[in-house]
Protein backbone atom coordinates (compact mmCIF):
# COMPACT_ATOMS: atom_id res chain seq x y z
CA MET A 1 0.01 0.04 0.04
CA LYS A 2 2.82 2.25 0.80
CA LEU A 3 4.23 1.66 -2.63
CA LYS A 4 0.99 2.68 -4.27
CA THR A 5 0.83 5.86 -2.25
CA THR A 6 4.43 6.74 -3.06
CA ARG A 7 3.74 6.13 -6.73
CA LYS A 8 0.58 8.28 -6.74
CA LEU A 9 2.47 11.00 -4.91
CA MET A 10 5.49 10.80 -7.38
CA MET A 11 3.01 11.00 -10.26
CA VAL A 12 1.12 13.92 -8.75
CA ALA A 13 4.51 15.71 -8.20
CA ALA A 14 5.68 15.02 -11.75
CA ILE A 15 2.39 16.30 -13.23
CA GLY A 16 2.66 19.40 -10.98
CA LEU A 17 6.29 19.99 -12.16
CA ILE A 18 5.51 19.55 -15.75
CA SER A 19 2.43 21.69 -15.74
CA GLY A 20 4.11 24.22 -13.63
CA SER A 21 6.88 24.43 -16.07
CA ILE A 22 4.65 24.85 -18.94
CA VAL A 23 2.71 27.50 -17.20
CA VAL A 24 5.78 29.40 -16.28
CA TYR A 25 7.28 29.04 -19.79
CA ALA A 26 4.15 30.05 -21.42
CA ALA A 27 3.75 33.10 -19.25
CA THR A 28 7.20 34.48 -19.63
CA THR A 29 7.37 37.35 -22.19
CA LEU A 30 10.89 38.24 -23.13
CA PHE A 31 10.03 41.65 -24.98
CA SER A 32 7.50 43.26 -27.41
CA GLN A 33 8.30 45.37 -30.30
CA THR A 34 6.02 47.55 -32.62
CA ILE A 35 6.91 48.12 -36.21
CA PRO A 36 6.19 51.78 -36.86
CA SER A 37 3.88 53.02 -39.49
CA VAL A 38 5.72 54.21 -42.57
CA GLY A 39 4.58 56.73 -45.00
CA SER A 40 5.76 57.11 -48.49
CA ALA A 41 8.03 59.74 -50.12
CA ASN A 42 6.29 62.60 -51.90
CA VAL A 43 6.52 62.23 -55.68
CA LEU A 44 7.68 65.85 -55.95
CA THR A 45 9.64 68.32 -53.62
CA ALA A 46 10.30 71.90 -54.33
CA GLY A 47 13.75 72.86 -55.58
CA CYS A 48 13.59 76.35 -53.93
CA LEU A 49 12.05 76.39 -50.52
CA GLY A 50 10.70 79.23 -48.34
CA THR A 51 10.66 82.68 -49.87
CA THR A 52 13.04 81.97 -52.76
CA PRO A 53 11.18 82.82 -55.93
CA LEU A 54 11.46 81.19 -59.33
CA THR A 55 13.48 83.14 -61.80
CA ASN A 56 13.71 83.58 -65.57
CA GLU A 57 17.09 81.82 -66.00
CA GLY A 58 19.35 83.54 -68.46
CA SER A 59 16.39 84.31 -70.75
CA PRO A 60 16.18 87.85 -72.26
CA ILE A 61 13.10 89.96 -71.61
CA PRO A 62 10.81 89.12 -74.60
CA VAL A 63 10.41 91.69 -77.26
CA VAL A 64 6.81 92.87 -77.91
CA GLY A 65 5.11 90.66 -80.42
CA SER A 66 7.86 87.93 -80.22
CA SER A 67 7.56 84.26 -79.62
CA GLY A 68 10.08 82.08 -77.69
CA VAL A 69 10.60 80.18 -74.47
CA MET A 70 11.64 81.01 -70.99
CA LEU A 71 13.64 78.70 -68.77
CA VAL A 72 12.39 79.06 -65.20
CA ASP A 73 14.17 77.66 -62.16
CA CYS A 74 15.41 78.65 -58.78
CA GLY A 75 18.30 80.63 -60.19
CA SER A 76 21.96 79.82 -60.70
CA GLY A 77 20.83 76.60 -62.50
CA ASN A 78 19.14 75.19 -59.33
CA PRO A 79 16.11 73.15 -60.30
CA ALA A 80 12.57 74.26 -59.71
CA PHE A 81 11.60 70.87 -58.23
CA VAL A 82 12.85 67.29 -57.65
CA SER A 83 10.97 64.20 -58.77
CA ASN A 84 11.36 60.94 -56.97
CA GLY A 85 9.65 59.23 -60.03
CA GLY A 86 5.88 59.00 -60.24
CA THR A 87 2.79 60.83 -61.21
CA ALA A 88 1.61 64.05 -59.85
CA THR A 89 -1.03 66.67 -61.02
CA PRO A 90 -0.13 70.27 -61.72
CA THR A 91 -2.78 73.02 -61.46
CA PHE A 92 -2.15 76.37 -62.99
CA ALA A 93 -3.64 79.03 -65.12
CA LEU A 94 -1.40 80.21 -67.91
CA PRO A 95 -1.74 84.05 -68.68
CA SER A 96 -2.72 84.74 -72.29
CA ALA A 97 0.88 85.44 -73.49
CA TYR A 98 2.01 81.88 -72.70
CA SER A 99 0.99 78.95 -74.97
CA ALA A 100 2.48 76.02 -73.01
CA LEU A 101 4.22 74.99 -69.88
CA TYR A 102 6.82 72.09 -69.72
CA ALA A 103 8.82 70.33 -67.07
CA VAL A 104 12.28 69.89 -68.43
CA PRO A 105 15.24 67.97 -66.95
CA SER A 106 17.59 70.34 -65.30
CA PRO A 107 20.08 71.83 -66.21
CA ALA A 108 18.30 72.64 -69.43
CA SER A 109 19.90 74.86 -72.16
CA LEU A 110 18.07 77.28 -74.36
CA THR A 111 20.48 76.50 -77.16
CA VAL A 112 18.45 73.31 -77.76
CA PRO A 113 14.85 74.40 -77.58
CA PRO A 114 13.83 72.69 -74.30
CA CYS A 115 10.08 73.52 -74.77
CA SER A 116 8.88 70.56 -76.78
CA THR A 117 8.12 67.00 -76.29
CA SER A 118 10.80 66.26 -78.74
CA ALA A 119 13.40 67.59 -76.40
CA THR A 120 14.93 64.75 -74.26
CA GLY A 121 12.81 64.29 -71.15
CA ALA A 122 10.58 67.28 -71.61
CA VAL A 123 6.90 66.66 -70.37
CA GLU A 124 4.28 69.00 -71.39
CA LEU A 125 2.17 70.05 -68.38
CA THR A 126 -1.67 70.38 -68.66
CA SER A 127 -3.43 71.98 -65.66
CA GLY A 128 -5.49 69.26 -63.80
CA SER A 129 -4.04 66.38 -65.71
CA PRO A 130 -1.62 63.91 -64.14
CA ALA A 131 1.95 64.01 -65.36
CA THR A 132 4.45 61.22 -65.10
CA LEU A 133 7.85 62.42 -64.28
CA PRO A 134 10.90 60.04 -64.07
CA ALA A 135 13.20 60.59 -61.09
CA GLY A 136 15.33 63.60 -61.55
CA VAL A 137 15.69 67.39 -61.19
CA TYR A 138 13.42 69.62 -63.24
CA SER A 139 13.03 73.29 -64.44
CA TYR A 140 10.06 74.76 -66.06
CA CYS A 141 10.06 75.96 -69.63
CA ALA A 142 7.30 78.43 -70.54
CA ALA A 143 6.48 78.87 -74.29
CA TYR A 144 5.23 82.28 -75.26
CA SER A 145 3.83 83.79 -78.38
CA ASN A 146 2.96 87.43 -79.32
CA TRP A 147 4.47 88.88 -76.21
CA PRO A 148 2.17 91.75 -75.07
CA VAL A 149 2.96 95.43 -74.33
CA GLY A 150 3.62 95.60 -70.64
CA GLY A 151 4.66 91.89 -70.30
CA ALA A 152 2.66 89.05 -68.77
CA ALA A 153 1.29 88.48 -65.37
CA SER A 154 3.04 85.92 -62.99
CA PHE A 155 1.28 82.61 -62.35
CA GLY A 156 1.65 79.78 -59.84
CA VAL A 157 1.88 76.09 -60.26
CA THR A 158 0.44 73.82 -57.52
CA TRP A 159 1.36 70.04 -57.48
CA SER A 160 -0.80 67.39 -55.94
CA GLU A 161 -0.60 63.64 -55.80
CA GLY A 162 -2.97 60.86 -55.04
């Protein structure tokens, strides 16, 4: 009888040890980590930030009645904006003197007319329509025709994505 009781006690002790080990093991947390949320890079970023205005880069002031192009950037050959590659939508209202607006890879040269889709990498911009721009740095090229007496008004370009 003593042998049976000893066996029972040993079994109860063994079961207790095993279940205790499992409970302790299952309840022990070593550490927790949270993977942070990650946004995405903007498709475009401005080349000149803050109050630095865009400037007519090296282009002469147009003669009344003439046609031509203006290269517009942040001055000294600094690009107007940088593309990380992707699609963004420009919104603008061209004053009547301007016939088209292009995004051209920077640095652009006026010796090779940059304001045409035949120019390497030039993308004609249409207000309210998505434009796909490969990764790179860009300036604007504004085509004008029949330059008016007194010049043309300034205009803004707002970019959005999504």
